[in-house]
Each structure stands twice: as C-alpha cells, then as structure tokens.
Amino acid sequence: MNDSTAIPRGEPAIRTIAMPADANPAGDIFGGWLMAQMDLAAGNVAARRARSRCATVSVDRITFLRPVFIGDEVSLHAEIVRVGRSSMTIEVEAWRRSRDGEEQVKVTDASFVFVALDQGGRPRVISPGSQSAANT
C-alpha cells in the first residue's frame, strides 16, 4: 500500500478539509489529526459491518508517505480485509488534493483492528456475511 500514485483502495468513508488549527508550527498537518480522521473512517466502516458499536483495539501500523497542508481536501478510503469472531481488520488510505488542483496523492495508510461491542461494552460475535462494507 505504499504506491502514492495508485487509485484509492476501499470505499470512500470521509472527506474533510485540513484547517489551520490542525497544523503544527511548520504549517504541516499533525500526523495525530490525520490518524484520528483515519480512525473515524475505519470506525464508521466497522460499525456498519458489525451493525453495532465498535472500538479500536490497535493500529498495527501507520505509514506517513507525504505531508498534508492547510486547505488540502483529505479523502479517507477504507476496506475490510479480515473479519474474525468479534474483530475485524480495516485498511485505511488517506489521499490529499490541493485546493487549486485535481491530482490526488496518497499521503498515509494504516491498518486498524476493531472489536464489535454489545450494549454492555463487551466483545460480541460479528454475524456472518459479506466482508465488504459496501454490502452491509
């Protein structure tokens, strides 16, 4: 997932604009802000697949490929790559597009693990079915 010129994998999950409050003193967007957006995108896909509340268990890896700048449009694409008994692994890619251009460039990718939760906040079994979030 390190090719920064490919087409995004997974379904579009979130699109947002990087704002000045999200930047570090050098004017680049904080990696933590980008990671939070990726977690939101993965969480959205996880909750739709599990049809319940889900919680982030781990981020197995995150790779920052290129910077994001103030004013960039950031698109998050997510894809379920594994569904277990109560957990699922979701790959997320973040792509940037400058305000004055059309080219999209992959800036970050990560692998998130979520667990499905019951109403009491305990892990619960994910019902069998399509692993694709687009089909749930």
N, C-alpha and C. Protein backbone atom coordinates (compact mmCIF):
# COMPACT_ATOMS: atom_id res chain seq x y z
N MET A 1 0.81 -1.20 0.00
CA MET A 1 0.00 0.00 0.00
C MET A 1 0.85 1.26 0.00
N ASN A 2 2.08 1.20 -0.48
CA ASN A 2 2.94 2.36 -0.42
C ASN A 2 3.05 3.13 -1.73
N ASP A 3 2.29 2.74 -2.77
CA ASP A 3 2.32 3.46 -4.03
C ASP A 3 1.47 4.71 -3.91
N SER A 4 2.11 5.88 -3.94
CA SER A 4 1.39 7.13 -3.71
C SER A 4 0.69 7.65 -4.95
N THR A 5 0.78 6.95 -6.08
CA THR A 5 0.13 7.44 -7.30
C THR A 5 -0.97 6.51 -7.79
N ALA A 6 -1.26 5.44 -7.07
CA ALA A 6 -2.29 4.49 -7.48
C ALA A 6 -3.68 5.08 -7.24
N ILE A 7 -4.68 4.28 -7.51
CA ILE A 7 -6.07 4.65 -7.25
C ILE A 7 -6.42 4.20 -5.83
N PRO A 8 -7.21 4.99 -5.09
CA PRO A 8 -7.56 4.61 -3.71
C PRO A 8 -8.23 3.24 -3.64
N ARG A 9 -7.84 2.47 -2.62
CA ARG A 9 -8.49 1.18 -2.34
C ARG A 9 -9.60 1.40 -1.33
N GLY A 10 -10.65 0.65 -1.46
CA GLY A 10 -11.73 0.73 -0.49
C GLY A 10 -12.73 1.81 -0.84
N GLU A 11 -13.81 1.79 -0.07
CA GLU A 11 -14.88 2.76 -0.32
C GLU A 11 -14.56 4.10 0.32
N PRO A 12 -15.06 5.19 -0.26
CA PRO A 12 -14.90 6.49 0.39
C PRO A 12 -15.63 6.47 1.73
N ALA A 13 -14.96 6.91 2.79
CA ALA A 13 -15.57 6.88 4.12
C ALA A 13 -15.73 8.28 4.71
N ILE A 14 -14.77 9.14 4.47
CA ILE A 14 -14.82 10.52 4.99
C ILE A 14 -14.07 11.43 4.01
N ARG A 15 -14.56 12.65 3.87
CA ARG A 15 -13.84 13.69 3.14
C ARG A 15 -13.88 14.93 4.02
N THR A 16 -12.74 15.55 4.22
CA THR A 16 -12.66 16.73 5.09
C THR A 16 -11.60 17.69 4.56
N ILE A 17 -11.56 18.86 5.13
CA ILE A 17 -10.57 19.88 4.76
C ILE A 17 -9.63 20.08 5.94
N ALA A 18 -8.33 20.08 5.66
CA ALA A 18 -7.32 20.33 6.69
C ALA A 18 -7.31 21.84 7.00
N MET A 19 -7.52 22.17 8.26
CA MET A 19 -7.66 23.56 8.68
C MET A 19 -6.43 24.03 9.47
N PRO A 20 -6.27 25.36 9.63
CA PRO A 20 -5.10 25.88 10.36
C PRO A 20 -4.96 25.32 11.78
N ALA A 21 -6.06 25.05 12.46
CA ALA A 21 -5.97 24.51 13.82
C ALA A 21 -5.42 23.09 13.84
N ASP A 22 -5.36 22.44 12.68
CA ASP A 22 -4.86 21.07 12.58
C ASP A 22 -3.38 21.01 12.25
N ALA A 23 -2.73 22.17 12.14
CA ALA A 23 -1.34 22.24 11.68
C ALA A 23 -0.35 22.41 12.82
N ASN A 24 0.87 21.97 12.57
CA ASN A 24 1.97 22.18 13.51
C ASN A 24 2.61 23.55 13.20
N PRO A 25 3.59 23.99 13.98
CA PRO A 25 4.19 25.31 13.74
C PRO A 25 4.83 25.47 12.36
N ALA A 26 5.19 24.37 11.70
CA ALA A 26 5.79 24.45 10.37
C ALA A 26 4.74 24.57 9.27
N GLY A 27 3.45 24.44 9.63
CA GLY A 27 2.39 24.57 8.64
C GLY A 27 1.92 23.26 8.04
N ASP A 28 2.52 22.16 8.47
CA ASP A 28 2.07 20.84 8.01
C ASP A 28 0.99 20.35 8.98
N ILE A 29 0.11 19.50 8.48
CA ILE A 29 -0.95 18.95 9.31
C ILE A 29 -0.35 17.90 10.25
N PHE A 30 -0.76 17.94 11.51
CA PHE A 30 -0.30 16.98 12.51
C PHE A 30 -0.63 15.56 12.07
N GLY A 31 0.32 14.66 12.25
CA GLY A 31 0.06 13.25 11.99
C GLY A 31 -1.04 12.72 12.88
N GLY A 32 -1.14 13.22 14.10
CA GLY A 32 -2.18 12.78 15.03
C GLY A 32 -3.57 13.15 14.54
N TRP A 33 -3.71 14.32 13.92
CA TRP A 33 -5.00 14.70 13.36
C TRP A 33 -5.38 13.75 12.23
N LEU A 34 -4.41 13.46 11.38
CA LEU A 34 -4.68 12.56 10.25
C LEU A 34 -5.02 11.16 10.76
N MET A 35 -4.32 10.71 11.78
CA MET A 35 -4.61 9.39 12.34
C MET A 35 -6.02 9.36 12.95
N ALA A 36 -6.43 10.43 13.58
CA ALA A 36 -7.79 10.50 14.14
C ALA A 36 -8.84 10.42 13.03
N GLN A 37 -8.61 11.09 11.91
CA GLN A 37 -9.54 11.02 10.79
C GLN A 37 -9.60 9.60 10.24
N MET A 38 -8.46 8.94 10.18
CA MET A 38 -8.41 7.56 9.69
C MET A 38 -9.15 6.62 10.64
N ASP A 39 -9.01 6.85 11.94
CA ASP A 39 -9.71 6.05 12.94
C ASP A 39 -11.22 6.23 12.82
N LEU A 40 -11.66 7.46 12.58
CA LEU A 40 -13.09 7.72 12.36
C LEU A 40 -13.59 6.98 11.12
N ALA A 41 -12.83 7.02 10.05
CA ALA A 41 -13.24 6.33 8.82
C ALA A 41 -13.33 4.83 9.04
N ALA A 42 -12.32 4.25 9.67
CA ALA A 42 -12.32 2.81 9.94
C ALA A 42 -13.46 2.45 10.89
N GLY A 43 -13.69 3.28 11.89
CA GLY A 43 -14.77 3.03 12.85
C GLY A 43 -16.14 3.05 12.20
N ASN A 44 -16.31 3.94 11.24
CA ASN A 44 -17.57 4.02 10.51
C ASN A 44 -17.82 2.72 9.73
N VAL A 45 -16.80 2.25 9.04
CA VAL A 45 -16.92 1.01 8.26
C VAL A 45 -17.13 -0.18 9.20
N ALA A 46 -16.41 -0.20 10.32
CA ALA A 46 -16.55 -1.31 11.28
C ALA A 46 -17.95 -1.37 11.86
N ALA A 47 -18.50 -0.23 12.27
CA ALA A 47 -19.84 -0.20 12.87
C ALA A 47 -20.90 -0.62 11.86
N ARG A 48 -20.74 -0.24 10.61
CA ARG A 48 -21.69 -0.65 9.58
C ARG A 48 -21.63 -2.15 9.36
N ARG A 49 -20.42 -2.71 9.33
CA ARG A 49 -20.29 -4.16 9.11
C ARG A 49 -20.81 -4.96 10.30
N ALA A 50 -20.48 -4.53 11.52
CA ALA A 50 -20.89 -5.25 12.72
C ALA A 50 -22.33 -4.95 13.10
N ARG A 51 -22.86 -3.85 12.59
CA ARG A 51 -24.20 -3.37 12.96
C ARG A 51 -24.30 -3.15 14.47
N SER A 52 -23.20 -2.62 15.00
CA SER A 52 -23.16 -2.30 16.43
C SER A 52 -22.00 -1.35 16.68
N ARG A 53 -21.93 -0.93 17.91
CA ARG A 53 -20.81 -0.13 18.36
C ARG A 53 -19.53 -0.95 18.22
N CYS A 54 -18.45 -0.29 17.86
CA CYS A 54 -17.15 -0.95 17.74
C CYS A 54 -16.10 -0.06 18.39
N ALA A 55 -15.03 -0.68 18.84
CA ALA A 55 -13.94 0.07 19.46
C ALA A 55 -12.62 -0.29 18.80
N THR A 56 -11.75 0.70 18.69
CA THR A 56 -10.42 0.47 18.17
C THR A 56 -9.63 -0.35 19.18
N VAL A 57 -9.05 -1.46 18.71
CA VAL A 57 -8.23 -2.31 19.57
C VAL A 57 -6.76 -1.98 19.34
N SER A 58 -6.39 -1.80 18.08
CA SER A 58 -4.99 -1.49 17.79
C SER A 58 -4.87 -0.86 16.41
N VAL A 59 -3.77 -0.19 16.25
CA VAL A 59 -3.32 0.26 14.94
C VAL A 59 -2.03 -0.50 14.72
N ASP A 60 -2.09 -1.47 13.82
CA ASP A 60 -0.93 -2.33 13.61
C ASP A 60 0.24 -1.58 13.00
N ARG A 61 -0.06 -0.62 12.16
CA ARG A 61 0.98 0.19 11.55
C ARG A 61 0.34 1.42 10.92
N ILE A 62 1.13 2.46 10.83
CA ILE A 62 0.71 3.65 10.10
C ILE A 62 1.94 4.16 9.37
N THR A 63 1.76 4.48 8.11
CA THR A 63 2.87 4.93 7.29
C THR A 63 2.54 6.31 6.74
N PHE A 64 3.36 7.29 7.10
CA PHE A 64 3.19 8.65 6.58
C PHE A 64 4.09 8.78 5.35
N LEU A 65 3.47 8.95 4.19
CA LEU A 65 4.21 8.97 2.93
C LEU A 65 4.55 10.38 2.47
N ARG A 66 3.61 11.29 2.66
CA ARG A 66 3.78 12.68 2.21
C ARG A 66 3.03 13.60 3.17
N PRO A 67 3.40 14.87 3.22
CA PRO A 67 2.70 15.79 4.12
C PRO A 67 1.33 16.20 3.58
N VAL A 68 0.50 16.68 4.49
CA VAL A 68 -0.79 17.29 4.18
C VAL A 68 -0.66 18.75 4.60
N PHE A 69 -1.21 19.65 3.81
CA PHE A 69 -1.07 21.08 4.07
C PHE A 69 -2.43 21.72 4.37
N ILE A 70 -2.39 22.86 5.03
CA ILE A 70 -3.60 23.62 5.33
C ILE A 70 -4.36 23.86 4.03
N GLY A 71 -5.66 23.61 4.06
CA GLY A 71 -6.51 23.82 2.89
C GLY A 71 -6.66 22.61 1.99
N ASP A 72 -5.84 21.58 2.20
CA ASP A 72 -5.96 20.38 1.38
C ASP A 72 -7.27 19.66 1.68
N GLU A 73 -7.86 19.09 0.65
CA GLU A 73 -9.00 18.18 0.83
C GLU A 73 -8.40 16.80 1.12
N VAL A 74 -8.85 16.19 2.20
CA VAL A 74 -8.35 14.88 2.59
C VAL A 74 -9.49 13.88 2.46
N SER A 75 -9.28 12.85 1.65
CA SER A 75 -10.27 11.80 1.44
C SER A 75 -9.74 10.51 2.06
N LEU A 76 -10.59 9.88 2.88
CA LEU A 76 -10.23 8.64 3.55
C LEU A 76 -11.00 7.50 2.91
N HIS A 77 -10.30 6.47 2.51
CA HIS A 77 -10.89 5.28 1.91
C HIS A 77 -10.59 4.09 2.81
N ALA A 78 -11.59 3.26 3.06
CA ALA A 78 -11.43 2.15 3.99
C ALA A 78 -11.93 0.85 3.37
N GLU A 79 -11.25 -0.24 3.73
CA GLU A 79 -11.60 -1.55 3.20
C GLU A 79 -11.41 -2.60 4.29
N ILE A 80 -12.44 -3.39 4.51
CA ILE A 80 -12.32 -4.51 5.46
C ILE A 80 -11.50 -5.60 4.78
N VAL A 81 -10.43 -6.04 5.45
CA VAL A 81 -9.58 -7.07 4.86
C VAL A 81 -9.68 -8.39 5.62
N ARG A 82 -10.26 -8.36 6.82
CA ARG A 82 -10.42 -9.59 7.59
C ARG A 82 -11.52 -9.41 8.62
N VAL A 83 -12.39 -10.42 8.73
CA VAL A 83 -13.40 -10.44 9.78
C VAL A 83 -13.21 -11.72 10.57
N GLY A 84 -13.03 -11.56 11.88
CA GLY A 84 -12.89 -12.71 12.76
C GLY A 84 -14.17 -12.93 13.55
N ARG A 85 -14.03 -13.59 14.68
CA ARG A 85 -15.21 -13.88 15.52
C ARG A 85 -15.84 -12.60 16.06
N SER A 86 -15.02 -11.73 16.65
CA SER A 86 -15.54 -10.47 17.20
C SER A 86 -14.74 -9.25 16.74
N SER A 87 -13.72 -9.48 15.93
CA SER A 87 -12.89 -8.36 15.49
C SER A 87 -12.79 -8.32 13.98
N MET A 88 -12.33 -7.19 13.49
CA MET A 88 -12.10 -7.05 12.05
C MET A 88 -10.91 -6.12 11.83
N THR A 89 -10.23 -6.37 10.74
CA THR A 89 -9.08 -5.56 10.34
C THR A 89 -9.50 -4.71 9.15
N ILE A 90 -9.20 -3.42 9.25
CA ILE A 90 -9.62 -2.47 8.21
C ILE A 90 -8.40 -1.68 7.77
N GLU A 91 -8.16 -1.71 6.47
CA GLU A 91 -7.08 -0.93 5.88
C GLU A 91 -7.66 0.43 5.49
N VAL A 92 -6.93 1.49 5.82
CA VAL A 92 -7.38 2.85 5.51
C VAL A 92 -6.27 3.58 4.76
N GLU A 93 -6.67 4.28 3.72
CA GLU A 93 -5.76 5.13 2.97
C GLU A 93 -6.26 6.57 3.05
N ALA A 94 -5.32 7.50 3.22
CA ALA A 94 -5.64 8.93 3.19
C ALA A 94 -5.01 9.52 1.94
N TRP A 95 -5.83 10.27 1.20
CA TRP A 95 -5.40 10.91 -0.04
C TRP A 95 -5.63 12.40 0.08
N ARG A 96 -4.72 13.22 -0.45
CA ARG A 96 -4.86 14.67 -0.43
C ARG A 96 -5.03 15.20 -1.85
N ARG A 97 -5.76 16.30 -1.90
CA ARG A 97 -5.91 17.06 -3.14
C ARG A 97 -5.79 18.51 -2.77
N SER A 98 -4.91 19.24 -3.42
CA SER A 98 -4.75 20.66 -3.09
C SER A 98 -5.98 21.43 -3.55
N ARG A 99 -6.18 22.59 -2.95
CA ARG A 99 -7.35 23.41 -3.27
C ARG A 99 -7.40 23.82 -4.73
N ASP A 100 -6.23 23.98 -5.33
CA ASP A 100 -6.18 24.51 -6.69
C ASP A 100 -5.80 23.46 -7.73
N GLY A 101 -5.98 22.19 -7.40
CA GLY A 101 -5.62 21.14 -8.34
C GLY A 101 -6.60 19.99 -8.34
N GLU A 102 -6.38 19.06 -9.22
CA GLU A 102 -7.25 17.89 -9.32
C GLU A 102 -6.51 16.60 -8.97
N GLU A 103 -5.18 16.64 -8.97
CA GLU A 103 -4.40 15.43 -8.70
C GLU A 103 -4.57 14.99 -7.25
N GLN A 104 -4.87 13.70 -7.07
CA GLN A 104 -4.93 13.11 -5.74
C GLN A 104 -3.65 12.33 -5.49
N VAL A 105 -3.11 12.46 -4.28
CA VAL A 105 -1.88 11.78 -3.91
C VAL A 105 -2.09 11.09 -2.58
N LYS A 106 -1.71 9.81 -2.52
CA LYS A 106 -1.83 9.09 -1.25
C LYS A 106 -0.79 9.61 -0.29
N VAL A 107 -1.23 9.96 0.93
CA VAL A 107 -0.33 10.53 1.91
C VAL A 107 -0.08 9.62 3.11
N THR A 108 -1.02 8.74 3.40
CA THR A 108 -0.89 7.89 4.58
C THR A 108 -1.70 6.62 4.38
N ASP A 109 -1.21 5.52 4.96
CA ASP A 109 -2.04 4.32 5.05
C ASP A 109 -1.80 3.67 6.40
N ALA A 110 -2.79 2.90 6.84
CA ALA A 110 -2.72 2.26 8.15
C ALA A 110 -3.63 1.04 8.18
N SER A 111 -3.38 0.18 9.16
CA SER A 111 -4.20 -1.00 9.39
C SER A 111 -4.75 -0.91 10.82
N PHE A 112 -6.08 -0.87 10.92
CA PHE A 112 -6.77 -0.76 12.21
C PHE A 112 -7.47 -2.07 12.54
N VAL A 113 -7.48 -2.43 13.82
CA VAL A 113 -8.24 -3.58 14.28
C VAL A 113 -9.32 -3.05 15.22
N PHE A 114 -10.57 -3.45 14.94
CA PHE A 114 -11.72 -3.06 15.75
C PHE A 114 -12.36 -4.31 16.33
N VAL A 115 -13.00 -4.16 17.48
CA VAL A 115 -13.80 -5.23 18.06
C VAL A 115 -15.24 -4.75 18.14
N ALA A 116 -16.17 -5.64 17.82
CA ALA A 116 -17.60 -5.33 17.94
C ALA A 116 -18.00 -5.45 19.40
N LEU A 117 -18.84 -4.52 19.85
CA LEU A 117 -19.24 -4.49 21.26
C LEU A 117 -20.75 -4.65 21.40
N ASP A 118 -21.16 -5.29 22.50
CA ASP A 118 -22.58 -5.37 22.80
C ASP A 118 -22.98 -4.12 23.58
N GLN A 119 -24.24 -4.06 24.01
CA GLN A 119 -24.72 -2.86 24.71
C GLN A 119 -24.02 -2.63 26.04
N GLY A 120 -23.44 -3.66 26.61
CA GLY A 120 -22.70 -3.53 27.86
C GLY A 120 -21.23 -3.20 27.66
N GLY A 121 -20.82 -3.05 26.41
CA GLY A 121 -19.43 -2.71 26.12
C GLY A 121 -18.49 -3.91 26.08
N ARG A 122 -19.06 -5.12 26.02
CA ARG A 122 -18.25 -6.33 25.95
C ARG A 122 -18.17 -6.83 24.51
N PRO A 123 -17.06 -7.50 24.16
CA PRO A 123 -16.94 -8.03 22.80
C PRO A 123 -18.11 -8.96 22.47
N ARG A 124 -18.57 -8.89 21.24
CA ARG A 124 -19.66 -9.75 20.79
C ARG A 124 -19.32 -10.33 19.42
N VAL A 125 -19.99 -11.41 19.10
CA VAL A 125 -19.78 -12.08 17.82
C VAL A 125 -20.32 -11.22 16.68
N ILE A 126 -19.53 -11.14 15.61
CA ILE A 126 -19.96 -10.45 14.41
C ILE A 126 -20.71 -11.46 13.56
N SER A 127 -21.91 -11.11 13.14
CA SER A 127 -22.70 -12.05 12.34
C SER A 127 -22.01 -12.34 11.02
N PRO A 128 -22.13 -13.58 10.56
CA PRO A 128 -21.53 -13.93 9.27
C PRO A 128 -22.17 -13.12 8.16
N GLY A 129 -21.47 -12.98 7.11
CA GLY A 129 -21.99 -12.23 5.96
C GLY A 129 -20.85 -11.70 5.14
N SER A 130 -21.20 -10.87 4.23
CA SER A 130 -20.20 -10.28 3.35
C SER A 130 -19.17 -9.50 4.15
N GLN A 131 -17.91 -9.65 3.79
CA GLN A 131 -16.86 -8.88 4.45
C GLN A 131 -16.76 -7.47 3.89
N SER A 132 -17.40 -7.23 2.79
CA SER A 132 -17.36 -5.92 2.18
C SER A 132 -18.31 -4.97 2.88
N ALA A 133 -17.79 -3.84 3.33
CA ALA A 133 -18.65 -2.85 3.98
C ALA A 133 -19.67 -2.28 3.02
N ALA A 134 -19.37 -2.33 1.73
CA ALA A 134 -20.31 -1.82 0.74
C ALA A 134 -21.55 -2.69 0.63
N ASN A 135 -21.45 -3.94 1.09
CA ASN A 135 -22.59 -4.86 1.01
C ASN A 135 -23.34 -5.01 2.33
N THR A 136 -23.03 -4.22 3.32
CA THR A 136 -23.70 -4.32 4.60
C THR A 136 -24.63 -3.17 4.83
